[in-house]
Amino acid sequence: MTIGQATFADKKKLGIAVGSDLVRTHGKKRFYSTQQVKASAERTGYSVDLHCWAHCLFSSPTDFAKHHREIGETCDYGAMRAEMTAAVTDGASSSWFDVDLSWLEWPEIDFGSVFDFFE
């Protein structure tokens, strides 16, 4: 599967898997380094083609931009992050999404089992 082929369900699974691994490995953090996100994405079995989706959810905007400059790619952090948050919240994020919030700062909504690793 390539980035263009990733569905909301695929992105939700990626967010849950990588998020669970990050918390298990590094504890709860506002943002994780791009290296930590990359390692978690690899450990959870996601191809490099999908790592960018994990970076936009768990890395800071500054680290995301720096990482993409270093690898010579241009990705839209805000657009990708909005799409990922919509995927992991089953669309509930559209009314309150703020690109500057870390995933730990999302408003109190019922995520169900989406982030059950958070407890």
PDB file of N, CA and C in Angstrom:
ATOM      1  N   MET A   1       0.854  -1.180   0.000  1.00  0.00           N
ATOM      2  CA  MET A   1       0.000   0.000   0.000  1.00  0.00           C
ATOM      3  C   MET A   1       0.895   1.237   0.000  1.00  0.00           C
ATOM      4  N   THR A   2       0.571   2.199  -0.814  1.00  0.00           N
ATOM      5  CA  THR A   2       1.313   3.453  -0.846  1.00  0.00           C
ATOM      6  C   THR A   2       0.504   4.527  -0.141  1.00  0.00           C
ATOM      7  N   ILE A   3       1.117   5.676   0.060  1.00  0.00           N
ATOM      8  CA  ILE A   3       0.437   6.772   0.747  1.00  0.00           C
ATOM      9  C   ILE A   3      -0.877   7.116   0.065  1.00  0.00           C
ATOM     10  N   GLY A   4      -0.870   7.191  -1.237  1.00  0.00           N
ATOM     11  CA  GLY A   4      -2.077   7.551  -1.964  1.00  0.00           C
ATOM     12  C   GLY A   4      -3.195   6.536  -1.819  1.00  0.00           C
ATOM     13  N   GLN A   5      -2.846   5.297  -1.487  1.00  0.00           N
ATOM     14  CA  GLN A   5      -3.837   4.240  -1.364  1.00  0.00           C
ATOM     15  C   GLN A   5      -4.315   4.035   0.072  1.00  0.00           C
ATOM     16  N   ALA A   6      -3.717   4.718   1.040  1.00  0.00           N
ATOM     17  CA  ALA A   6      -4.080   4.522   2.444  1.00  0.00           C
ATOM     18  C   ALA A   6      -5.488   5.038   2.704  1.00  0.00           C
ATOM     19  N   THR A   7      -6.341   4.192   3.241  1.00  0.00           N
ATOM     20  CA  THR A   7      -7.710   4.562   3.569  1.00  0.00           C
ATOM     21  C   THR A   7      -7.763   5.115   4.991  1.00  0.00           C
ATOM     22  N   PHE A   8      -8.918   5.676   5.375  1.00  0.00           N
ATOM     23  CA  PHE A   8      -9.094   6.126   6.757  1.00  0.00           C
ATOM     24  C   PHE A   8      -8.841   4.966   7.715  1.00  0.00           C
ATOM     25  N   ALA A   9      -9.349   3.785   7.380  1.00  0.00           N
ATOM     26  CA  ALA A   9      -9.166   2.616   8.252  1.00  0.00           C
ATOM     27  C   ALA A   9      -7.683   2.275   8.387  1.00  0.00           C
ATOM     28  N   ASP A  10      -6.940   2.346   7.278  1.00  0.00           N
ATOM     29  CA  ASP A  10      -5.503   2.082   7.316  1.00  0.00           C
ATOM     30  C   ASP A  10      -4.788   3.098   8.194  1.00  0.00           C
ATOM     31  N   LYS A  11      -5.163   4.360   8.045  1.00  0.00           N
ATOM     32  CA  LYS A  11      -4.526   5.423   8.821  1.00  0.00           C
ATOM     33  C   LYS A  11      -4.861   5.291  10.300  1.00  0.00           C
ATOM     34  N   LYS A  12      -6.091   4.890  10.592  1.00  0.00           N
ATOM     35  CA  LYS A  12      -6.492   4.685  11.982  1.00  0.00           C
ATOM     36  C   LYS A  12      -5.662   3.558  12.599  1.00  0.00           C
ATOM     37  N   LYS A  13      -5.516   2.447  11.897  1.00  0.00           N
ATOM     38  CA  LYS A  13      -4.708   1.329  12.385  1.00  0.00           C
ATOM     39  C   LYS A  13      -3.266   1.752  12.602  1.00  0.00           C
ATOM     40  N   LEU A  14      -2.730   2.519  11.672  1.00  0.00           N
ATOM     41  CA  LEU A  14      -1.356   3.020  11.796  1.00  0.00           C
ATOM     42  C   LEU A  14      -1.229   3.900  13.033  1.00  0.00           C
ATOM     43  N   GLY A  15      -2.152   4.837  13.211  1.00  0.00           N
ATOM     44  CA  GLY A  15      -2.097   5.732  14.364  1.00  0.00           C
ATOM     45  C   GLY A  15      -2.170   4.985  15.679  1.00  0.00           C
ATOM     46  N   ILE A  16      -3.030   3.983  15.750  1.00  0.00           N
ATOM     47  CA  ILE A  16      -3.179   3.202  16.977  1.00  0.00           C
ATOM     48  C   ILE A  16      -1.931   2.366  17.236  1.00  0.00           C
ATOM     49  N   ALA A  17      -1.444   1.697  16.203  1.00  0.00           N
ATOM     50  CA  ALA A  17      -0.272   0.830  16.370  1.00  0.00           C
ATOM     51  C   ALA A  17       0.964   1.627  16.762  1.00  0.00           C
ATOM     52  N   VAL A  18       1.238   2.690  16.035  1.00  0.00           N
ATOM     53  CA  VAL A  18       2.430   3.489  16.314  1.00  0.00           C
ATOM     54  C   VAL A  18       2.280   4.213  17.658  1.00  0.00           C
ATOM     55  N   GLY A  19       1.104   4.757  17.926  1.00  0.00           N
ATOM     56  CA  GLY A  19       0.873   5.428  19.201  1.00  0.00           C
ATOM     57  C   GLY A  19       1.055   4.492  20.380  1.00  0.00           C
ATOM     58  N   SER A  20       0.539   3.288  20.261  1.00  0.00           N
ATOM     59  CA  SER A  20       0.688   2.292  21.331  1.00  0.00           C
ATOM     60  C   SER A  20       2.159   1.975  21.559  1.00  0.00           C
ATOM     61  N   ASP A  21       2.883   1.782  20.469  1.00  0.00           N
ATOM     62  CA  ASP A  21       4.307   1.463  20.582  1.00  0.00           C
ATOM     63  C   ASP A  21       5.099   2.626  21.176  1.00  0.00           C
ATOM     64  N   LEU A  22       4.794   3.841  20.761  1.00  0.00           N
ATOM     65  CA  LEU A  22       5.494   5.009  21.296  1.00  0.00           C
ATOM     66  C   LEU A  22       5.291   5.141  22.800  1.00  0.00           C
ATOM     67  N   VAL A  23       4.062   4.995  23.254  1.00  0.00           N
ATOM     68  CA  VAL A  23       3.776   5.119  24.684  1.00  0.00           C
ATOM     69  C   VAL A  23       4.443   3.979  25.453  1.00  0.00           C
ATOM     70  N   ARG A  24       4.361   2.774  24.927  1.00  0.00           N
ATOM     71  CA  ARG A  24       4.975   1.620  25.582  1.00  0.00           C
ATOM     72  C   ARG A  24       6.498   1.780  25.666  1.00  0.00           C
ATOM     73  N   THR A  25       7.102   2.302  24.618  1.00  0.00           N
ATOM     74  CA  THR A  25       8.555   2.401  24.536  1.00  0.00           C
ATOM     75  C   THR A  25       9.111   3.658  25.211  1.00  0.00           C
ATOM     76  N   HIS A  26       8.416   4.789  25.061  1.00  0.00           N
ATOM     77  CA  HIS A  26       8.959   6.079  25.513  1.00  0.00           C
ATOM     78  C   HIS A  26       8.108   6.792  26.548  1.00  0.00           C
ATOM     79  N   GLY A  27       6.981   6.240  26.918  1.00  0.00           N
ATOM     80  CA  GLY A  27       6.068   6.919  27.830  1.00  0.00           C
ATOM     81  C   GLY A  27       5.251   7.970  27.087  1.00  0.00           C
ATOM     82  N   LYS A  28       4.355   8.618  27.810  1.00  0.00           N
ATOM     83  CA  LYS A  28       3.494   9.637  27.207  1.00  0.00           C
ATOM     84  C   LYS A  28       4.278  10.930  27.039  1.00  0.00           C
ATOM     85  N   LYS A  29       4.347  11.409  25.824  1.00  0.00           N
ATOM     86  CA  LYS A  29       5.022  12.666  25.514  1.00  0.00           C
ATOM     87  C   LYS A  29       4.128  13.498  24.615  1.00  0.00           C
ATOM     88  N   ARG A  30       4.315  14.801  24.701  1.00  0.00           N
ATOM     89  CA  ARG A  30       3.550  15.706  23.844  1.00  0.00           C
ATOM     90  C   ARG A  30       3.849  15.422  22.381  1.00  0.00           C
ATOM     91  N   PHE A  31       5.112  15.305  22.048  1.00  0.00           N
ATOM     92  CA  PHE A  31       5.564  14.940  20.712  1.00  0.00           C
ATOM     93  C   PHE A  31       6.750  13.989  20.859  1.00  0.00           C
ATOM     94  N   TYR A  32       6.991  13.208  19.837  1.00  0.00           N
ATOM     95  CA  TYR A  32       8.122  12.287  19.800  1.00  0.00           C
ATOM     96  C   TYR A  32       9.061  12.718  18.681  1.00  0.00           C
ATOM     97  N   SER A  33      10.337  12.374  18.814  1.00  0.00           N
ATOM     98  CA  SER A  33      11.291  12.714  17.762  1.00  0.00           C
ATOM     99  C   SER A  33      10.953  11.930  16.499  1.00  0.00           C
ATOM    100  N   THR A  34      11.405  12.428  15.383  1.00  0.00           N
ATOM    101  CA  THR A  34      11.132  11.731  14.130  1.00  0.00           C
ATOM    102  C   THR A  34      11.798  10.356  14.134  1.00  0.00           C
ATOM    103  N   GLN A  35      12.946  10.232  14.791  1.00  0.00           N
ATOM    104  CA  GLN A  35      13.606   8.932  14.878  1.00  0.00           C
ATOM    105  C   GLN A  35      12.777   7.954  15.710  1.00  0.00           C
ATOM    106  N   GLN A  36      12.203   8.429  16.811  1.00  0.00           N
ATOM    107  CA  GLN A  36      11.351   7.569  17.635  1.00  0.00           C
ATOM    108  C   GLN A  36      10.113   7.123  16.861  1.00  0.00           C
ATOM    109  N   VAL A  37       9.505   8.040  16.119  1.00  0.00           N
ATOM    110  CA  VAL A  37       8.315   7.703  15.326  1.00  0.00           C
ATOM    111  C   VAL A  37       8.679   6.708  14.232  1.00  0.00           C
ATOM    112  N   LYS A  38       9.785   6.957  13.559  1.00  0.00           N
ATOM    113  CA  LYS A  38      10.243   6.049  12.497  1.00  0.00           C
ATOM    114  C   LYS A  38      10.483   4.646  13.059  1.00  0.00           C
ATOM    115  N   ALA A  39      11.174   4.562  14.191  1.00  0.00           N
ATOM    116  CA  ALA A  39      11.463   3.258  14.796  1.00  0.00           C
ATOM    117  C   ALA A  39      10.171   2.541  15.197  1.00  0.00           C
ATOM    118  N   SER A  40       9.209   3.286  15.738  1.00  0.00           N
ATOM    119  CA  SER A  40       7.932   2.679  16.113  1.00  0.00           C
ATOM    120  C   SER A  40       7.170   2.193  14.887  1.00  0.00           C
ATOM    121  N   ALA A  41       7.181   2.987  13.836  1.00  0.00           N
ATOM    122  CA  ALA A  41       6.502   2.575  12.599  1.00  0.00           C
ATOM    123  C   ALA A  41       7.148   1.314  12.032  1.00  0.00           C
ATOM    124  N   GLU A  42       8.463   1.232  12.096  1.00  0.00           N
ATOM    125  CA  GLU A  42       9.158   0.036  11.617  1.00  0.00           C
ATOM    126  C   GLU A  42       8.844  -1.170  12.498  1.00  0.00           C
ATOM    127  N   ARG A  43       8.881  -0.974  13.822  1.00  0.00           N
ATOM    128  CA  ARG A  43       8.595  -2.077  14.754  1.00  0.00           C
ATOM    129  C   ARG A  43       7.183  -2.627  14.569  1.00  0.00           C
ATOM    130  N   THR A  44       6.256  -1.753  14.212  1.00  0.00           N
ATOM    131  CA  THR A  44       4.867  -2.190  14.052  1.00  0.00           C
ATOM    132  C   THR A  44       4.574  -2.686  12.636  1.00  0.00           C
ATOM    133  N   GLY A  45       5.601  -2.733  11.799  1.00  0.00           N
ATOM    134  CA  GLY A  45       5.480  -3.363  10.496  1.00  0.00           C
ATOM    135  C   GLY A  45       5.010  -2.495   9.349  1.00  0.00           C
ATOM    136  N   TYR A  46       5.051  -1.173   9.510  1.00  0.00           N
ATOM    137  CA  TYR A  46       4.602  -0.292   8.438  1.00  0.00           C
ATOM    138  C   TYR A  46       5.752   0.084   7.517  1.00  0.00           C
ATOM    139  N   SER A  47       5.461   0.089   6.224  1.00  0.00           N
ATOM    140  CA  SER A  47       6.483   0.417   5.237  1.00  0.00           C
ATOM    141  C   SER A  47       6.839   1.899   5.321  1.00  0.00           C
ATOM    142  N   VAL A  48       8.007   2.206   4.825  1.00  0.00           N
ATOM    143  CA  VAL A  48       8.494   3.579   4.839  1.00  0.00           C
ATOM    144  C   VAL A  48       7.546   4.519   4.098  1.00  0.00           C
ATOM    145  N   ASP A  49       6.787   4.000   3.165  1.00  0.00           N
ATOM    146  CA  ASP A  49       5.818   4.815   2.412  1.00  0.00           C
ATOM    147  C   ASP A  49       4.729   5.396   3.307  1.00  0.00           C
ATOM    148  N   LEU A  50       4.510   4.790   4.470  1.00  0.00           N
ATOM    149  CA  LEU A  50       3.451   5.249   5.364  1.00  0.00           C
ATOM    150  C   LEU A  50       3.974   5.980   6.599  1.00  0.00           C
ATOM    151  N   HIS A  51       5.277   6.012   6.797  1.00  0.00           N
ATOM    152  CA  HIS A  51       5.839   6.653   7.990  1.00  0.00           C
ATOM    153  C   HIS A  51       5.439   8.114   8.112  1.00  0.00           C
ATOM    154  N   CYS A  52       5.304   8.803   7.004  1.00  0.00           N
ATOM    155  CA  CYS A  52       4.956  10.222   7.024  1.00  0.00           C
ATOM    156  C   CYS A  52       3.634  10.456   7.750  1.00  0.00           C
ATOM    157  N   TRP A  53       2.703   9.524   7.587  1.00  0.00           N
ATOM    158  CA  TRP A  53       1.411   9.653   8.256  1.00  0.00           C
ATOM    159  C   TRP A  53       1.571   9.566   9.770  1.00  0.00           C
ATOM    160  N   ALA A  54       2.485   8.743  10.238  1.00  0.00           N
ATOM    161  CA  ALA A  54       2.750   8.655  11.678  1.00  0.00           C
ATOM    162  C   ALA A  54       3.483   9.905  12.153  1.00  0.00           C
ATOM    163  N   HIS A  55       4.426  10.395  11.348  1.00  0.00           N
ATOM    164  CA  HIS A  55       5.168  11.613  11.720  1.00  0.00           C
ATOM    165  C   HIS A  55       4.216  12.789  11.914  1.00  0.00           C
ATOM    166  N   CYS A  56       3.228  12.928  11.044  1.00  0.00           N
ATOM    167  CA  CYS A  56       2.342  14.092  11.159  1.00  0.00           C
ATOM    168  C   CYS A  56       1.455  14.012  12.396  1.00  0.00           C
ATOM    169  N   LEU A  57       1.258  12.832  12.930  1.00  0.00           N
ATOM    170  CA  LEU A  57       0.420  12.682  14.115  1.00  0.00           C
ATOM    171  C   LEU A  57       1.213  12.813  15.412  1.00  0.00           C
ATOM    172  N   PHE A  58       2.448  12.327  15.418  1.00  0.00           N
ATOM    173  CA  PHE A  58       3.196  12.246  16.668  1.00  0.00           C
ATOM    174  C   PHE A  58       4.449  13.117  16.748  1.00  0.00           C
ATOM    175  N   SER A  59       4.883  13.715  15.653  1.00  0.00           N
ATOM    176  CA  SER A  59       6.052  14.612  15.673  1.00  0.00           C
ATOM    177  C   SER A  59       5.582  16.060  15.706  1.00  0.00           C
ATOM    178  N   SER A  60       6.435  16.938  16.210  1.00  0.00           N
ATOM    179  CA  SER A  60       6.097  18.365  16.227  1.00  0.00           C
ATOM    180  C   SER A  60       6.139  18.915  14.804  1.00  0.00           C
ATOM    181  N   PRO A  61       5.452  20.026  14.571  1.00  0.00           N
ATOM    182  CA  PRO A  61       5.502  20.631  13.229  1.00  0.00           C
ATOM    183  C   PRO A  61       6.933  20.968  12.810  1.00  0.00           C
ATOM    184  N   THR A  62       7.737  21.444  13.740  1.00  0.00           N
ATOM    185  CA  THR A  62       9.127  21.807  13.435  1.00  0.00           C
ATOM    186  C   THR A  62       9.940  20.577  13.055  1.00  0.00           C
ATOM    187  N   ASP A  63       9.816  19.503  13.846  1.00  0.00           N
ATOM    188  CA  ASP A  63      10.558  18.277  13.537  1.00  0.00           C
ATOM    189  C   ASP A  63      10.090  17.652  12.226  1.00  0.00           C
ATOM    190  N   PHE A  64       8.792  17.697  11.991  1.00  0.00           N
ATOM    191  CA  PHE A  64       8.229  17.175  10.744  1.00  0.00           C
ATOM    192  C   PHE A  64       8.839  17.910   9.546  1.00  0.00           C
ATOM    193  N   ALA A  65       8.849  19.244   9.615  1.00  0.00           N
ATOM    194  CA  ALA A  65       9.393  20.050   8.509  1.00  0.00           C
ATOM    195  C   ALA A  65      10.884  19.787   8.320  1.00  0.00           C
ATOM    196  N   LYS A  66      11.628  19.726   9.409  1.00  0.00           N
ATOM    197  CA  LYS A  66      13.071  19.477   9.332  1.00  0.00           C
ATOM    198  C   LYS A  66      13.348  18.107   8.721  1.00  0.00           C
ATOM    199  N   HIS A  67      12.630  17.110   9.155  1.00  0.00           N
ATOM    200  CA  HIS A  67      12.795  15.754   8.625  1.00  0.00           C
ATOM    201  C   HIS A  67      12.552  15.728   7.119  1.00  0.00           C
ATOM    202  N   HIS A  68      11.492  16.396   6.676  1.00  0.00           N
ATOM    203  CA  HIS A  68      11.174  16.384   5.254  1.00  0.00           C
ATOM    204  C   HIS A  68      12.159  17.198   4.418  1.00  0.00           C
ATOM    205  N   ARG A  69      12.694  18.259   4.978  1.00  0.00           N
ATOM    206  CA  ARG A  69      13.772  18.991   4.282  1.00  0.00           C
ATOM    207  C   ARG A  69      14.981  18.084   4.109  1.00  0.00           C
ATOM    208  N   GLU A  70      15.327  17.349   5.163  1.00  0.00           N
ATOM    209  CA  GLU A  70      16.499  16.472   5.121  1.00  0.00           C
ATOM    210  C   GLU A  70      16.357  15.343   4.110  1.00  0.00           C
ATOM    211  N   ILE A  71      15.147  14.833   3.924  1.00  0.00           N
ATOM    212  CA  ILE A  71      14.966  13.732   2.967  1.00  0.00           C
ATOM    213  C   ILE A  71      14.525  14.226   1.585  1.00  0.00           C
ATOM    214  N   GLY A  72      14.397  15.550   1.447  1.00  0.00           N
ATOM    215  CA  GLY A  72      14.080  16.130   0.148  1.00  0.00           C
ATOM    216  C   GLY A  72      12.649  15.948  -0.298  1.00  0.00           C
ATOM    217  N   GLU A  73      11.727  15.824   0.654  1.00  0.00           N
ATOM    218  CA  GLU A  73      10.314  15.689   0.320  1.00  0.00           C
ATOM    219  C   GLU A  73       9.544  16.891   0.837  1.00  0.00           C
ATOM    220  N   THR A  74       8.434  17.167   0.205  1.00  0.00           N
ATOM    221  CA  THR A  74       7.550  18.236   0.653  1.00  0.00           C
ATOM    222  C   THR A  74       6.207  17.618   0.997  1.00  0.00           C
ATOM    223  N   CYS A  75       5.822  17.756   2.252  1.00  0.00           N
ATOM    224  CA  CYS A  75       4.521  17.249   2.707  1.00  0.00           C
ATOM    225  C   CYS A  75       3.837  18.351   3.500  1.00  0.00           C
ATOM    226  N   ASP A  76       2.537  18.397   3.444  1.00  0.00           N
ATOM    227  CA  ASP A  76       1.743  19.407   4.129  1.00  0.00           C
ATOM    228  C   ASP A  76       1.326  18.882   5.501  1.00  0.00           C
ATOM    229  N   TYR A  77       2.047  19.301   6.540  1.00  0.00           N
ATOM    230  CA  TYR A  77       1.807  18.839   7.904  1.00  0.00           C
ATOM    231  C   TYR A  77       0.355  19.051   8.322  1.00  0.00           C
ATOM    232  N   GLY A  78      -0.156  20.249   8.118  1.00  0.00           N
ATOM    233  CA  GLY A  78      -1.513  20.569   8.547  1.00  0.00           C
ATOM    234  C   GLY A  78      -2.560  19.710   7.875  1.00  0.00           C
ATOM    235  N   ALA A  79      -2.469  19.578   6.572  1.00  0.00           N
ATOM    236  CA  ALA A  79      -3.451  18.782   5.832  1.00  0.00           C
ATOM    237  C   ALA A  79      -3.371  17.307   6.209  1.00  0.00           C
ATOM    238  N   MET A  80      -2.144  16.803   6.318  1.00  0.00           N
ATOM    239  CA  MET A  80      -1.974  15.397   6.669  1.00  0.00           C
ATOM    240  C   MET A  80      -2.430  15.130   8.104  1.00  0.00           C
ATOM    241  N   ARG A  81      -2.097  16.050   8.997  1.00  0.00           N
ATOM    242  CA  ARG A  81      -2.487  15.888  10.408  1.00  0.00           C
ATOM    243  C   ARG A  81      -4.008  15.931  10.560  1.00  0.00           C
ATOM    244  N   ALA A  82      -4.645  16.828   9.831  1.00  0.00           N
ATOM    245  CA  ALA A  82      -6.111  16.891   9.866  1.00  0.00           C
ATOM    246  C   ALA A  82      -6.711  15.579   9.376  1.00  0.00           C
ATOM    247  N   GLU A  83      -6.141  15.031   8.324  1.00  0.00           N
ATOM    248  CA  GLU A  83      -6.640  13.771   7.785  1.00  0.00           C
ATOM    249  C   GLU A  83      -6.413  12.614   8.766  1.00  0.00           C
ATOM    250  N   MET A  84      -5.247  12.601   9.422  1.00  0.00           N
ATOM    251  CA  MET A  84      -4.962  11.539  10.396  1.00  0.00           C
ATOM    252  C   MET A  84      -5.862  11.653  11.625  1.00  0.00           C
ATOM    253  N   THR A  85      -6.065  12.865  12.125  1.00  0.00           N
ATOM    254  CA  THR A  85      -6.922  12.994  13.302  1.00  0.00           C
ATOM    255  C   THR A  85      -8.367  12.629  12.959  1.00  0.00           C
ATOM    256  N   ALA A  86      -8.799  12.958  11.767  1.00  0.00           N
ATOM    257  CA  ALA A  86     -10.141  12.547  11.339  1.00  0.00           C
ATOM    258  C   ALA A  86     -10.228  11.022  11.282  1.00  0.00           C
ATOM    259  N   ALA A  87      -9.160  10.387  10.803  1.00  0.00           N
ATOM    260  CA  ALA A  87      -9.156   8.928  10.705  1.00  0.00           C
ATOM    261  C   ALA A  87      -9.189   8.272  12.082  1.00  0.00           C
ATOM    262  N   VAL A  88      -8.344   8.719  12.994  1.00  0.00           N
ATOM    263  CA  VAL A  88      -8.284   8.048  14.299  1.00  0.00           C
ATOM    264  C   VAL A  88      -9.469   8.389  15.195  1.00  0.00           C
ATOM    265  N   THR A  89     -10.186   9.459  14.889  1.00  0.00           N
ATOM    266  CA  THR A  89     -11.360   9.819  15.693  1.00  0.00           C
ATOM    267  C   THR A  89     -12.661   9.540  14.944  1.00  0.00           C
ATOM    268  N   ASP A  90     -12.568   8.795  13.852  1.00  0.00           N
ATOM    269  CA  ASP A  90     -13.747   8.483  13.028  1.00  0.00           C
ATOM    270  C   ASP A  90     -14.495   9.738  12.614  1.00  0.00           C
ATOM    271  N   GLY A  91     -13.756  10.794  12.303  1.00  0.00           N
ATOM    272  CA  GLY A  91     -14.348  12.033  11.812  1.00  0.00           C
ATOM    273  C   GLY A  91     -14.749  13.027  12.879  1.00  0.00           C
ATOM    274  N   ALA A  92     -14.600  12.683  14.147  1.00  0.00           N
ATOM    275  CA  ALA A  92     -15.045  13.564  15.234  1.00  0.00           C
ATOM    276  C   ALA A  92     -14.187  14.808  15.390  1.00  0.00           C
ATOM    277  N   SER A  93     -13.022  14.851  14.749  1.00  0.00           N
ATOM    278  CA  SER A  93     -12.096  15.965  14.954  1.00  0.00           C
ATOM    279  C   SER A  93     -12.409  17.203  14.134  1.00  0.00           C
ATOM    280  N   SER A  94     -13.276  17.126  13.163  1.00  0.00           N
ATOM    281  CA  SER A  94     -13.456  18.236  12.225  1.00  0.00           C
ATOM    282  C   SER A  94     -13.920  19.530  12.871  1.00  0.00           C
ATOM    283  N   SER A  95     -14.641  19.464  13.979  1.00  0.00           N
ATOM    284  CA  SER A  95     -15.163  20.687  14.585  1.00  0.00           C
ATOM    285  C   SER A  95     -14.203  21.337  15.568  1.00  0.00           C
ATOM    286  N   TRP A  96     -13.170  20.643  16.018  1.00  0.00           N
ATOM    287  CA  TRP A  96     -12.284  21.205  17.039  1.00  0.00           C
ATOM    288  C   TRP A  96     -10.808  21.112  16.704  1.00  0.00           C
ATOM    289  N   PHE A  97     -10.440  20.570  15.548  1.00  0.00           N
ATOM    290  CA  PHE A  97      -9.038  20.321  15.237  1.00  0.00           C
ATOM    291  C   PHE A  97      -8.205  21.594  15.217  1.00  0.00           C
ATOM    292  N   ASP A  98      -7.090  21.549  15.901  1.00  0.00           N
ATOM    293  CA  ASP A  98      -6.104  22.625  15.917  1.00  0.00           C
ATOM    294  C   ASP A  98      -4.754  21.982  15.642  1.00  0.00           C
ATOM    295  N   VAL A  99      -4.143  22.336  14.532  1.00  0.00           N
ATOM    296  CA  VAL A  99      -2.897  21.705  14.103  1.00  0.00           C
ATOM    297  C   VAL A  99      -1.783  21.831  15.137  1.00  0.00           C
ATOM    298  N   ASP A 100      -1.849  22.808  16.015  1.00  0.00           N
ATOM    299  CA  ASP A 100      -0.798  23.000  16.998  1.00  0.00           C
ATOM    300  C   ASP A 100      -0.941  22.125  18.234  1.00  0.00           C
ATOM    301  N   LEU A 101      -2.061  21.438  18.390  1.00  0.00           N
ATOM    302  CA  LEU A 101      -2.245  20.578  19.546  1.00  0.00           C
ATOM    303  C   LEU A 101      -1.504  19.265  19.370  1.00  0.00           C
ATOM    304  N   SER A 102      -0.891  18.795  20.451  1.00  0.00           N
ATOM    305  CA  SER A 102      -0.346  17.445  20.419  1.00  0.00           C
ATOM    306  C   SER A 102      -1.502  16.494  20.646  1.00  0.00           C
ATOM    307  N   TRP A 103      -1.328  15.256  20.323  1.00  0.00           N
ATOM    308  CA  TRP A 103      -2.384  14.268  20.505  1.00  0.00           C
ATOM    309  C   TRP A 103      -2.794  14.153  21.971  1.00  0.00           C
ATOM    310  N   LEU A 104      -1.899  14.504  22.904  1.00  0.00           N
ATOM    311  CA  LEU A 104      -2.231  14.454  24.330  1.00  0.00           C
ATOM    312  C   LEU A 104      -3.150  15.598  24.745  1.00  0.00           C
ATOM    313  N   GLU A 105      -3.226  16.646  23.923  1.00  0.00           N
ATOM    314  CA  GLU A 105      -4.010  17.833  24.259  1.00  0.00           C
ATOM    315  C   GLU A 105      -5.379  17.881  23.584  1.00  0.00           C
ATOM    316  N   TRP A 106      -5.732  16.829  22.870  1.00  0.00           N
ATOM    317  CA  TRP A 106      -7.023  16.827  22.207  1.00  0.00           C
ATOM    318  C   TRP A 106      -8.130  16.986  23.230  1.00  0.00           C
ATOM    319  N   PRO A 107      -9.184  17.672  22.862  1.00  0.00           N
ATOM    320  CA  PRO A 107     -10.307  17.857  23.793  1.00  0.00           C
ATOM    321  C   PRO A 107     -10.889  16.528  24.263  1.00  0.00           C
ATOM    322  N   GLU A 108     -11.607  16.591  25.359  1.00  0.00           N
ATOM    323  CA  GLU A 108     -12.228  15.396  25.924  1.00  0.00           C
ATOM    324  C   GLU A 108     -13.382  14.946  25.034  1.00  0.00           C
ATOM    325  N   ILE A 109     -13.143  13.920  24.259  1.00  0.00           N
ATOM    326  CA  ILE A 109     -14.207  13.288  23.489  1.00  0.00           C
ATOM    327  C   ILE A 109     -14.078  11.798  23.708  1.00  0.00           C
ATOM    328  N   ASP A 110     -15.093  11.065  23.421  1.00  0.00           N
ATOM    329  CA  ASP A 110     -15.063   9.627  23.614  1.00  0.00           C
ATOM    330  C   ASP A 110     -14.359   8.980  22.429  1.00  0.00           C
ATOM    331  N   PHE A 111     -13.129   8.544  22.669  1.00  0.00           N
ATOM    332  CA  PHE A 111     -12.360   7.887  21.628  1.00  0.00           C
ATOM    333  C   PHE A 111     -12.642   6.393  21.573  1.00  0.00           C
ATOM    334  N   GLY A 112     -13.487   5.911  22.487  1.00  0.00           N
ATOM    335  CA  GLY A 112     -13.744   4.470  22.526  1.00  0.00           C
ATOM    336  C   GLY A 112     -12.453   3.741  22.737  1.00  0.00           C
ATOM    337  N   SER A 113     -12.192   2.775  21.913  1.00  0.00           N
ATOM    338  CA  SER A 113     -10.969   1.980  22.055  1.00  0.00           C
ATOM    339  C   SER A 113      -9.842   2.503  21.183  1.00  0.00           C
ATOM    340  N   VAL A 114     -10.029   3.642  20.544  1.00  0.00           N
ATOM    341  CA  VAL A 114      -9.004   4.154  19.637  1.00  0.00           C
ATOM    342  C   VAL A 114      -7.658   4.257  20.329  1.00  0.00           C
ATOM    343  N   PHE A 115      -7.633   4.926  21.465  1.00  0.00           N
ATOM    344  CA  PHE A 115      -6.386   5.087  22.194  1.00  0.00           C
ATOM    345  C   PHE A 115      -6.464   4.398  23.546  1.00  0.00           C
ATOM    346  N   ASP A 116      -6.833   3.117  23.538  1.00  0.00           N
ATOM    347  CA  ASP A 116      -6.939   2.394  24.794  1.00  0.00           C
ATOM    348  C   ASP A 116      -5.593   2.231  25.471  1.00  0.00           C
ATOM    349  N   PHE A 117      -4.492   2.400  24.745  1.00  0.00           N
ATOM    350  CA  PHE A 117      -3.161   2.338  25.333  1.00  0.00           C
ATOM    351  C   PHE A 117      -2.884   3.528  26.226  1.00  0.00           C
ATOM    352  N   PHE A 118      -3.689   4.567  26.098  1.00  0.00           N
ATOM    353  CA  PHE A 118      -3.478   5.827  26.835  1.00  0.00           C
ATOM    354  C   PHE A 118      -3.781   5.676  28.310  1.00  0.00           C
ATOM    355  N   GLU A 119      -4.621   4.734  28.661  1.00  0.00           N
ATOM    356  CA  GLU A 119      -5.061   4.600  30.058  1.00  0.00           C
ATOM    357  C   GLU A 119      -3.996   4.047  30.957  1.00  0.00           C
TER     358      GLU A 119
END
